[in-house]
Amino acid sequence: MTQIAGHENAGRAQVALMPDGRRLHLHDGPIDLIVEAWGAPASIQCAYRAARDVFQGLLDSLCAELPALRARAMTGHTHLRGVTALRMHAAVAPYASEMFITPMAAVAGSVADEVLAAMLEAAPGLARAYVNNGGDIALHLADGERFSVGLIDRPDQPSMFGTAEIGAEDGVRGIATSGARGRSFSLGVADAVTVLAASAAQADAAATVIANAVDLPGDARILRVPARDVQPDSDLGDAPVTRFVPVLAQHEIDSALRLGLAKARELVSRGLIVAASLHLQGVTLTTRADRPHSVSNRQTRNLLTGGAHV
């Protein structure tokens, strides 16, 4: 069992090893992280102490800049100061000239990135590590290491239908999922969009953008309400967020997914993401495969090759 020397809680943040003795749980308000590292026991202890230390006060630093983080992002200069806030802005800045987006679109991934960065600075010899912030995940892979990541098609009814195999050589260090059934708001109809990118912050922002693009514009059967009617302090204000999607015909599913796929492939071509998987009512499209396929619990799908096998 890995022990953490001096892991007493400070302030309201809660820090503790999980019952398995391997993973670290960090909780403060809306932030809930699961952390795990592989390496020499001393390196793991050092990494977990660093995770604890950087986590203390992280939420307070974000709250101190919350009005600016909830405002529309602009390209170029920002008045944000905090390290995590700057990560958030950098992740959404590529989209700022073409759509309304705020740094909050990358908050979960940026927090995960920040904690992982502190761990790696303190313990650079780790073989593998991850920081999971509610499904938005920052990864570390030393040369020759791999992760197998489970894929789900509905966050509200989590059921793994496949896996993505990620190697150190793939350049993927972040995973994020967004959609109309997730914990955050979406303007589109996707059940889930999972993105692989160079960082969790980049994956988080891109998942939001792609999920918004999976849509059936003008379909009156889809219930959309102003974001502020659901959450008064939402950064989306009066933007119409999706609250209900009816059962769709196959051609409607295909149409919505292909709109999202076009956006996902654009982001791949711009170097903003590595790959994406888009899910809607049991059908999946990926940036590496054109043909829609029905979700099967026996399938394994690799987002990096587009392969699917039973």
Protein backbone atom coordinates (compact mmCIF):
# COMPACT_ATOMS: atom_id res chain seq x y z
CA MET A 1 0.00 0.00 0.00
CA THR A 2 1.31 3.44 -0.94
CA GLN A 3 1.29 5.92 1.91
CA ILE A 4 1.37 9.71 1.65
CA ALA A 5 3.43 11.41 4.31
CA GLY A 6 1.75 14.47 5.80
CA HIS A 7 -1.51 14.32 3.84
CA GLU A 8 -3.65 16.16 6.38
CA ASN A 9 -6.42 18.28 4.92
CA ALA A 10 -5.96 22.03 4.76
CA GLY A 11 -8.99 24.30 4.44
CA ARG A 12 -12.06 22.72 2.92
CA ALA A 13 -10.30 20.58 0.31
CA GLN A 14 -10.48 16.86 1.05
CA VAL A 15 -7.47 14.69 0.21
CA ALA A 16 -7.29 10.96 0.93
CA LEU A 17 -6.13 7.67 -0.45
CA MET A 18 -8.96 5.51 -1.71
CA PRO A 19 -9.64 2.12 -0.09
CA ASP A 20 -7.57 0.32 -2.74
CA GLY A 21 -4.48 2.14 -1.45
CA ARG A 22 -3.40 3.01 -4.99
CA ARG A 23 -5.52 5.95 -6.04
CA LEU A 24 -5.74 9.41 -4.54
CA HIS A 25 -9.07 11.23 -4.16
CA LEU A 26 -9.09 15.04 -4.22
CA HIS A 27 -12.37 16.87 -3.61
CA ASP A 28 -13.23 20.54 -3.25
CA GLY A 29 -16.71 21.86 -4.06
CA PRO A 30 -17.52 20.94 -7.68
CA ILE A 31 -14.03 19.54 -8.34
CA ASP A 32 -13.70 15.81 -7.80
CA LEU A 33 -10.48 14.14 -8.95
CA ILE A 34 -9.22 10.57 -9.02
CA VAL A 35 -5.45 10.33 -9.39
CA GLU A 36 -3.28 7.29 -9.99
CA ALA A 37 0.43 6.91 -10.73
CA TRP A 38 2.80 4.06 -11.55
CA GLY A 39 6.48 4.05 -10.66
CA ALA A 40 8.81 3.64 -7.71
CA PRO A 41 6.95 3.93 -4.37
CA ALA A 42 8.97 7.01 -3.40
CA SER A 43 8.13 8.68 -6.72
CA ILE A 44 4.43 7.94 -6.28
CA GLN A 45 4.49 9.44 -2.77
CA CYS A 46 6.21 12.53 -4.09
CA ALA A 47 3.72 12.87 -6.94
CA TYR A 48 0.73 12.50 -4.65
CA ARG A 49 2.09 15.13 -2.25
CA ALA A 50 2.53 17.49 -5.20
CA ALA A 51 -1.04 16.78 -6.33
CA ARG A 52 -2.30 17.58 -2.85
CA ASP A 53 -0.29 20.78 -2.61
CA VAL A 54 -1.33 22.22 -5.98
CA PHE A 55 -4.95 21.24 -5.35
CA GLN A 56 -5.16 23.27 -2.14
CA GLY A 57 -6.46 26.67 -3.14
CA LEU A 58 -6.97 25.80 -6.80
CA LEU A 59 -10.74 26.31 -6.62
CA ASP A 60 -10.29 29.60 -4.76
CA SER A 61 -7.94 30.86 -7.49
CA LEU A 62 -10.56 30.08 -10.13
CA CYS A 63 -13.36 31.70 -8.14
CA ALA A 64 -11.25 34.86 -7.84
CA GLU A 65 -11.37 35.24 -11.64
CA LEU A 66 -14.80 33.75 -12.22
CA PRO A 67 -16.43 36.76 -13.91
CA ALA A 68 -13.67 36.85 -16.54
CA LEU A 69 -13.75 33.08 -16.95
CA ARG A 70 -17.49 33.26 -17.67
CA ALA A 71 -17.08 36.03 -20.24
CA ARG A 72 -16.65 35.42 -23.94
CA ALA A 73 -13.07 34.48 -24.78
CA MET A 74 -11.18 36.73 -27.14
CA THR A 75 -8.23 35.89 -29.35
CA GLY A 76 -4.87 37.30 -28.36
CA HIS A 77 -4.30 39.06 -25.05
CA THR A 78 -6.14 38.07 -21.86
CA HIS A 79 -6.25 39.71 -18.44
CA LEU A 80 -6.50 36.34 -16.70
CA ARG A 81 -3.64 35.67 -14.29
CA GLY A 82 -3.94 32.23 -12.70
CA VAL A 83 -2.07 29.30 -14.23
CA THR A 84 -5.21 27.18 -14.58
CA ALA A 85 -7.22 30.15 -15.87
CA LEU A 86 -4.56 30.75 -18.52
CA ARG A 87 -4.73 27.08 -19.53
CA MET A 88 -8.48 27.46 -19.95
CA HIS A 89 -8.12 30.54 -22.13
CA ALA A 90 -5.41 28.98 -24.30
CA ALA A 91 -7.62 25.93 -24.93
CA VAL A 92 -10.63 27.94 -26.15
CA ALA A 93 -8.76 30.76 -27.92
CA PRO A 94 -8.58 28.89 -31.28
CA TYR A 95 -12.40 29.01 -31.45
CA ALA A 96 -12.95 32.54 -30.13
CA SER A 97 -13.08 34.29 -33.51
CA GLU A 98 -15.68 31.93 -34.96
CA MET A 99 -18.17 31.30 -32.14
CA PHE A 100 -19.25 32.27 -28.66
CA ILE A 101 -17.12 30.32 -26.21
CA THR A 102 -15.87 31.04 -22.71
CA PRO A 103 -12.85 29.66 -20.87
CA MET A 104 -15.29 27.61 -18.77
CA ALA A 105 -15.56 25.22 -21.73
CA ALA A 106 -12.13 23.91 -20.72
CA VAL A 107 -12.28 24.13 -16.92
CA ALA A 108 -12.39 20.41 -16.09
CA GLY A 109 -9.59 19.47 -18.45
CA SER A 110 -7.45 22.40 -17.37
CA VAL A 111 -7.73 21.44 -13.70
CA ALA A 112 -6.69 17.88 -14.56
CA ASP A 113 -3.73 19.18 -16.58
CA GLU A 114 -2.62 21.45 -13.75
CA VAL A 115 -2.59 18.69 -11.15
CA LEU A 116 -0.78 16.29 -13.48
CA ALA A 117 1.84 18.92 -14.34
CA ALA A 118 2.62 19.39 -10.65
CA MET A 119 2.96 15.64 -10.20
CA LEU A 120 5.38 15.28 -13.10
CA GLU A 121 7.48 18.22 -11.99
CA ALA A 122 7.86 16.65 -8.55
CA ALA A 123 8.33 13.07 -9.80
CA PRO A 124 9.58 13.08 -13.43
CA GLY A 125 10.41 9.36 -13.32
CA LEU A 126 6.80 8.12 -13.25
CA ALA A 127 6.00 5.47 -15.84
CA ARG A 128 2.32 6.34 -16.14
CA ALA A 129 -0.17 8.60 -14.41
CA TYR A 130 -3.63 10.03 -14.89
CA VAL A 131 -5.84 12.68 -13.30
CA ASN A 132 -9.52 12.01 -13.92
CA ASN A 133 -11.81 15.01 -13.39
CA GLY A 134 -15.27 13.55 -13.88
CA GLY A 135 -14.32 11.90 -17.17
CA ASP A 136 -12.02 14.62 -18.46
CA ILE A 137 -8.62 13.01 -18.08
CA ALA A 138 -5.01 14.20 -18.21
CA LEU A 139 -2.52 11.42 -19.05
CA HIS A 140 1.19 10.82 -18.64
CA LEU A 141 2.89 8.04 -20.59
CA ALA A 142 6.64 7.46 -20.52
CA ASP A 143 8.26 5.97 -23.63
CA GLY A 144 6.86 2.53 -24.41
CA GLU A 145 3.90 2.83 -22.03
CA ARG A 146 0.22 2.46 -22.96
CA PHE A 147 -3.25 3.11 -21.56
CA SER A 148 -6.48 1.30 -22.42
CA VAL A 149 -9.38 3.73 -22.03
CA GLY A 150 -13.03 2.72 -21.84
CA LEU A 151 -15.57 4.41 -24.14
CA ILE A 152 -19.19 5.10 -23.23
CA ASP A 153 -22.01 6.30 -25.48
CA ARG A 154 -24.26 7.85 -22.79
CA PRO A 155 -22.78 9.57 -19.72
CA ASP A 156 -26.14 9.46 -17.92
CA GLN A 157 -26.28 5.66 -18.30
CA PRO A 158 -22.58 4.74 -18.31
CA SER A 159 -21.94 1.46 -20.08
CA MET A 160 -18.63 0.73 -21.75
CA PHE A 161 -19.03 -0.31 -25.38
CA GLY A 162 -15.39 -0.35 -26.37
CA THR A 163 -11.87 0.85 -25.67
CA ALA A 164 -9.30 3.17 -27.13
CA GLU A 165 -5.70 2.00 -26.96
CA ILE A 166 -3.33 4.93 -26.43
CA GLY A 167 0.44 4.61 -26.68
CA ALA A 168 3.11 7.10 -25.70
CA GLU A 169 3.94 7.58 -29.36
CA ASP A 170 0.40 8.70 -30.25
CA GLY A 171 0.79 12.18 -28.77
CA VAL A 172 -2.47 11.87 -26.81
CA ARG A 173 -2.27 13.28 -23.29
CA GLY A 174 -5.86 14.30 -22.78
CA ILE A 175 -9.33 12.79 -23.11
CA ALA A 176 -12.67 14.56 -22.68
CA THR A 177 -16.34 13.85 -23.29
CA SER A 178 -19.23 16.26 -23.86
CA GLY A 179 -22.84 15.98 -24.98
CA ALA A 180 -26.46 16.73 -24.24
CA ARG A 181 -26.63 13.93 -21.67
CA GLY A 182 -23.50 14.94 -19.81
CA ARG A 183 -23.00 16.99 -16.65
CA SER A 184 -22.55 20.26 -18.55
CA PHE A 185 -24.76 22.03 -21.09
CA SER A 186 -24.67 21.39 -24.84
CA LEU A 187 -26.18 23.22 -27.79
CA GLY A 188 -26.32 20.01 -29.83
CA VAL A 189 -28.05 16.63 -29.65
CA ALA A 190 -25.12 14.20 -29.26
CA ASP A 191 -25.36 11.66 -26.48
CA ALA A 192 -21.59 11.90 -26.13
CA VAL A 193 -18.56 13.11 -28.04
CA THR A 194 -15.20 11.77 -26.87
CA VAL A 195 -12.05 13.58 -27.98
CA LEU A 196 -8.38 12.62 -27.80
CA ALA A 197 -5.95 15.55 -27.84
CA ALA A 198 -2.51 16.68 -26.75
CA SER A 199 -3.88 17.90 -23.41
CA ALA A 200 -7.01 17.47 -21.34
CA ALA A 201 -7.77 21.20 -21.69
CA GLN A 202 -7.63 20.99 -25.49
CA ALA A 203 -9.76 17.83 -25.48
CA ASP A 204 -12.31 19.47 -23.16
CA ALA A 205 -12.75 22.57 -25.34
CA ALA A 206 -12.91 20.54 -28.56
CA ALA A 207 -15.44 18.06 -27.16
CA THR A 208 -17.72 20.99 -26.36
CA VAL A 209 -17.34 22.45 -29.85
CA ILE A 210 -17.92 19.14 -31.65
CA ALA A 211 -20.88 18.15 -29.45
CA ASN A 212 -22.50 21.51 -30.24
CA ALA A 213 -22.09 20.74 -33.95
CA VAL A 214 -23.92 17.40 -33.75
CA ASP A 215 -27.32 18.90 -34.37
CA LEU A 216 -30.62 19.01 -36.24
CA PRO A 217 -31.10 22.78 -36.64
CA GLY A 218 -34.70 23.93 -36.60
CA ASP A 219 -36.20 20.62 -35.42
CA ALA A 220 -39.10 21.75 -33.21
CA ARG A 221 -39.28 18.38 -31.42
CA ILE A 222 -35.98 19.07 -29.65
CA LEU A 223 -36.53 20.92 -26.39
CA ARG A 224 -34.09 23.80 -25.91
CA VAL A 225 -34.24 26.38 -23.15
CA PRO A 226 -32.03 29.36 -22.22
CA ALA A 227 -29.12 28.17 -20.14
CA ARG A 228 -29.81 30.76 -17.44
CA ASP A 229 -33.30 29.26 -16.93
CA VAL A 230 -31.66 26.02 -15.81
CA GLN A 231 -28.63 27.51 -14.09
CA PRO A 232 -28.94 31.24 -13.35
CA ASP A 233 -25.18 31.85 -13.27
CA SER A 234 -24.38 29.84 -16.40
CA ASP A 235 -21.68 31.34 -18.61
CA LEU A 236 -23.92 30.53 -21.61
CA GLY A 237 -26.54 33.10 -20.59
CA ASP A 238 -29.52 33.00 -22.96
CA ALA A 239 -27.99 30.44 -25.33
CA PRO A 240 -30.54 27.65 -26.00
CA VAL A 241 -29.22 24.45 -24.41
CA THR A 242 -30.65 21.03 -25.23
CA ARG A 243 -32.84 19.40 -22.58
CA PHE A 244 -34.69 16.70 -24.55
CA VAL A 245 -34.10 14.84 -27.80
CA PRO A 246 -36.85 12.55 -29.17
CA VAL A 247 -36.22 9.19 -30.76
CA LEU A 248 -34.77 10.01 -34.16
CA ALA A 249 -35.07 8.28 -37.51
CA GLN A 250 -31.91 6.72 -38.92
CA HIS A 251 -31.45 9.43 -41.54
CA GLU A 252 -31.79 12.11 -38.85
CA ILE A 253 -29.15 10.42 -36.70
CA ASP A 254 -26.80 10.15 -39.66
CA SER A 255 -27.36 13.79 -40.64
CA ALA A 256 -26.66 15.10 -37.13
CA LEU A 257 -23.57 12.93 -36.70
CA ARG A 258 -22.12 13.95 -40.05
CA LEU A 259 -22.40 17.63 -39.13
CA GLY A 260 -20.39 16.89 -36.03
CA LEU A 261 -17.94 14.69 -37.93
CA ALA A 262 -17.21 17.51 -40.37
CA LYS A 263 -16.32 19.78 -37.44
CA ALA A 264 -14.22 17.05 -35.79
CA ARG A 265 -12.24 16.46 -38.99
CA GLU A 266 -11.70 20.18 -39.35
CA LEU A 267 -10.17 20.24 -35.86
CA VAL A 268 -7.96 17.27 -36.72
CA SER A 269 -6.74 19.08 -39.84
CA ARG A 270 -5.98 22.19 -37.76
CA GLY A 271 -3.94 20.12 -35.32
CA LEU A 272 -6.28 20.90 -32.42
CA ILE A 273 -7.21 17.27 -31.71
CA VAL A 274 -5.93 13.80 -32.57
CA ALA A 275 -9.21 11.92 -32.94
CA ALA A 276 -12.88 11.95 -31.93
CA SER A 277 -15.77 9.53 -31.52
CA LEU A 278 -19.36 10.79 -31.85
CA HIS A 279 -22.35 8.94 -30.41
CA LEU A 280 -26.08 9.43 -30.95
CA GLN A 281 -28.87 6.98 -30.11
CA GLY A 282 -26.80 3.83 -30.52
CA VAL A 283 -24.88 4.95 -33.61
CA THR A 284 -21.22 5.98 -33.68
CA LEU A 285 -18.98 7.84 -36.11
CA THR A 286 -15.26 8.45 -35.66
CA THR A 287 -12.78 10.69 -37.41
CA ARG A 288 -11.01 7.55 -38.65
CA ALA A 289 -14.06 5.80 -40.12
CA ASP A 290 -16.80 7.05 -42.48
CA ARG A 291 -19.33 4.28 -42.01
CA PRO A 292 -21.75 4.65 -39.07
CA HIS A 293 -22.01 1.55 -36.92
CA SER A 294 -24.37 0.48 -34.18
CA VAL A 295 -22.91 0.32 -30.70
CA SER A 296 -22.20 -3.18 -29.44
CA ASN A 297 -20.88 -4.11 -26.01
CA ARG A 298 -18.68 -6.68 -27.72
CA GLN A 299 -16.96 -4.17 -29.96
CA THR A 300 -13.57 -2.65 -29.43
CA ARG A 301 -12.99 0.61 -31.27
CA ASN A 302 -9.61 2.26 -31.50
CA LEU A 303 -10.03 5.96 -32.18
CA LEU A 304 -6.47 6.19 -33.47
CA THR A 305 -6.93 3.62 -36.24
CA GLY A 306 -10.70 3.63 -36.76
CA GLY A 307 -10.72 -0.12 -36.47
CA ALA A 308 -13.65 -1.98 -35.01
CA HIS A 309 -13.57 -5.68 -34.31
CA VAL A 310 -15.71 -8.18 -32.44
